[in-house]
Amino acid sequence: MKFIIMIVSLLLLSSLVVLPVLILKIINKSNIKFKFIIYLTLATIISFIITFFLAWWSYISDKIMLEYYGFNFEAMNEDERYKNVLPENIENVKRINISVMGIGWLVKAFISFTIYYPYLMLIYIVNYGINFIDRKNNNEI
């Protein structure tokens, strides 16, 4: 169970890293006039959707893991909640339960995207710099 959850999380994280580069490559190969605006629009929309899904997935995967360990969501006190959890898993379940009870996944999505957004700009600036150097080198030859 942990393995499947980790694979999905890593796929989502890697898509956040790779997709802006792929979008920029596709836009650079096409003959589009306003590349920056189109890149920024596409990358922002796609990255926001992936960030939104990643935040939701982290919340849902924690709930799945709590159910897997035998945590009782409907219990009225702590003893009933942890009654079906094996003693060696109690610390792990408590940690997961505390992380679920923090700020909501929607707020996490917005905060994550705010932190992630400069990466989109950095990718474009680095690409622009590489293209500028390539054009300069091609003109000198």
Protein backbone atom coordinates (compact mmCIF):
# COMPACT_ATOMS: atom_id res chain seq x y z
CA MET A 1 0.00 0.00 0.00
CA LYS A 2 2.77 2.41 0.94
CA PHE A 3 4.57 1.56 -2.28
CA ILE A 4 1.59 2.42 -4.49
CA ILE A 5 1.00 5.69 -2.67
CA MET A 6 4.67 6.60 -2.98
CA ILE A 7 4.73 5.78 -6.72
CA VAL A 8 1.70 8.01 -7.40
CA SER A 9 3.19 10.84 -5.32
CA LEU A 10 6.54 10.59 -7.11
CA LEU A 11 4.84 10.58 -10.51
CA LEU A 12 2.94 13.74 -9.62
CA LEU A 13 6.06 15.45 -8.28
CA SER A 14 8.13 14.48 -11.29
CA SER A 15 5.41 15.76 -13.61
CA LEU A 16 5.62 19.12 -11.84
CA VAL A 17 9.34 19.22 -12.60
CA VAL A 18 9.25 17.90 -16.17
CA LEU A 19 6.04 19.31 -17.66
CA PRO A 20 7.10 22.98 -17.79
CA VAL A 21 10.23 21.97 -19.72
CA LEU A 22 8.19 19.85 -22.14
CA ILE A 23 5.63 22.62 -22.64
CA LEU A 24 8.41 25.08 -23.41
CA LYS A 25 10.06 22.70 -25.88
CA ILE A 26 6.78 22.20 -27.72
CA ILE A 27 6.12 25.94 -27.83
CA ASN A 28 9.67 26.66 -29.06
CA LYS A 29 9.33 24.15 -31.90
CA SER A 30 6.06 25.68 -33.08
CA ASN A 31 5.86 28.97 -34.90
CA ILE A 32 3.94 30.96 -32.30
CA LYS A 33 4.27 34.69 -31.93
CA PHE A 34 3.69 35.28 -28.20
CA LYS A 35 5.63 32.38 -26.70
CA PHE A 36 6.00 33.80 -23.21
CA ILE A 37 2.30 34.47 -22.74
CA ILE A 38 1.28 31.08 -24.09
CA TYR A 39 3.92 29.29 -22.01
CA LEU A 40 2.90 31.15 -18.87
CA THR A 41 -0.79 30.45 -19.44
CA LEU A 42 -0.40 26.76 -20.29
CA ALA A 43 2.21 26.05 -17.63
CA THR A 44 0.22 27.87 -14.96
CA ILE A 45 -3.01 26.05 -15.71
CA ILE A 46 -1.45 22.60 -16.03
CA SER A 47 0.82 23.07 -13.00
CA PHE A 48 -2.05 24.34 -10.89
CA ILE A 49 -4.14 21.30 -11.77
CA ILE A 50 -1.27 18.95 -10.90
CA THR A 51 -0.52 20.83 -7.66
CA PHE A 52 -4.21 20.73 -6.76
CA PHE A 53 -4.33 16.99 -7.45
CA LEU A 54 -1.09 16.39 -5.51
CA ALA A 55 -2.43 18.17 -2.42
CA TRP A 56 -5.68 16.22 -2.67
CA TRP A 57 -3.77 12.98 -3.15
CA SER A 58 -1.61 13.57 -0.07
CA TYR A 59 -4.76 14.03 2.00
CA ILE A 60 -6.55 11.00 0.53
CA SER A 61 -3.46 8.80 0.75
CA ASP A 62 -3.12 9.63 4.45
CA LYS A 63 -6.74 8.61 4.97
CA ILE A 64 -6.12 5.38 3.02
CA MET A 65 -3.07 4.60 5.16
CA LEU A 66 -5.03 5.24 8.36
CA GLU A 67 -7.72 2.81 7.21
CA TYR A 68 -5.04 0.31 6.21
CA TYR A 69 -3.54 0.42 9.70
CA GLY A 70 -6.98 -0.11 11.28
CA PHE A 71 -7.67 3.42 12.52
CA ASN A 72 -11.32 3.99 13.46
CA PHE A 73 -12.53 7.38 12.18
CA GLU A 74 -15.96 7.10 13.81
CA ALA A 75 -14.70 6.53 17.38
CA MET A 76 -15.47 8.99 20.14
CA ASN A 77 -12.21 8.79 22.08
CA GLU A 78 -8.57 8.01 21.43
CA ASP A 79 -8.67 4.49 22.88
CA GLU A 80 -11.42 3.46 20.46
CA ARG A 81 -9.65 5.04 17.51
CA TYR A 82 -6.45 3.06 18.08
CA LYS A 83 -8.14 -0.19 19.22
CA ASN A 84 -7.58 -2.01 15.90
CA VAL A 85 -4.08 -0.62 15.27
CA LEU A 86 -1.16 -2.93 15.94
CA PRO A 87 1.13 -1.72 18.76
CA GLU A 88 4.12 -1.33 16.42
CA ASN A 89 2.11 0.96 14.13
CA ILE A 90 0.59 3.27 16.75
CA GLU A 91 3.31 5.95 16.52
CA ASN A 92 3.09 6.00 12.73
CA VAL A 93 -0.72 6.23 12.84
CA LYS A 94 -0.56 9.07 15.37
CA ARG A 95 1.83 10.97 13.10
CA ILE A 96 -0.40 10.47 10.06
CA ASN A 97 -3.50 11.44 12.05
CA ILE A 98 -1.88 14.68 13.20
CA SER A 99 -0.90 15.56 9.62
CA VAL A 100 -4.49 14.97 8.44
CA MET A 101 -5.85 17.26 11.17
CA GLY A 102 -3.68 20.22 10.11
CA ILE A 103 -4.62 22.82 7.52
CA GLY A 104 -6.86 21.59 4.73
CA TRP A 105 -5.58 20.16 1.50
CA LEU A 106 -7.01 23.05 -0.49
CA VAL A 107 -4.96 25.58 1.48
CA LYS A 108 -1.91 23.34 1.05
CA ALA A 109 -2.52 23.36 -2.72
CA PHE A 110 -2.58 27.16 -2.89
CA ILE A 111 0.50 27.52 -0.68
CA SER A 112 2.37 24.88 -2.70
CA PHE A 113 1.51 26.56 -5.98
CA THR A 114 2.65 29.93 -4.63
CA ILE A 115 5.99 28.40 -3.72
CA TYR A 116 6.16 26.48 -7.02
CA TYR A 117 5.30 29.37 -9.37
CA PRO A 118 8.82 30.93 -9.47
CA TYR A 119 10.06 27.61 -10.87
CA LEU A 120 7.95 28.23 -13.98
CA MET A 121 9.59 31.61 -14.42
CA LEU A 122 13.06 30.17 -13.80
CA ILE A 123 12.54 27.54 -16.51
CA TYR A 124 11.56 30.23 -19.02
CA ILE A 125 14.49 32.50 -18.09
CA VAL A 126 17.00 29.64 -18.35
CA ASN A 127 15.55 28.60 -21.70
CA TYR A 128 15.65 32.18 -22.95
CA GLY A 129 19.30 32.48 -21.87
CA ILE A 130 20.25 29.22 -23.61
CA ASN A 131 18.48 30.31 -26.81
CA PHE A 132 20.16 33.72 -26.64
CA ILE A 133 23.62 32.16 -26.30
CA ASP A 134 22.89 29.71 -29.14
CA ARG A 135 21.78 32.54 -31.43
CA LYS A 136 24.84 34.59 -30.53
CA ASN A 137 27.18 31.64 -31.20
CA ASN A 138 25.48 30.89 -34.54
CA ASN A 139 25.88 34.52 -35.66
CA GLU A 140 29.60 34.59 -34.84
CA ILE A 141 30.44 31.55 -36.99
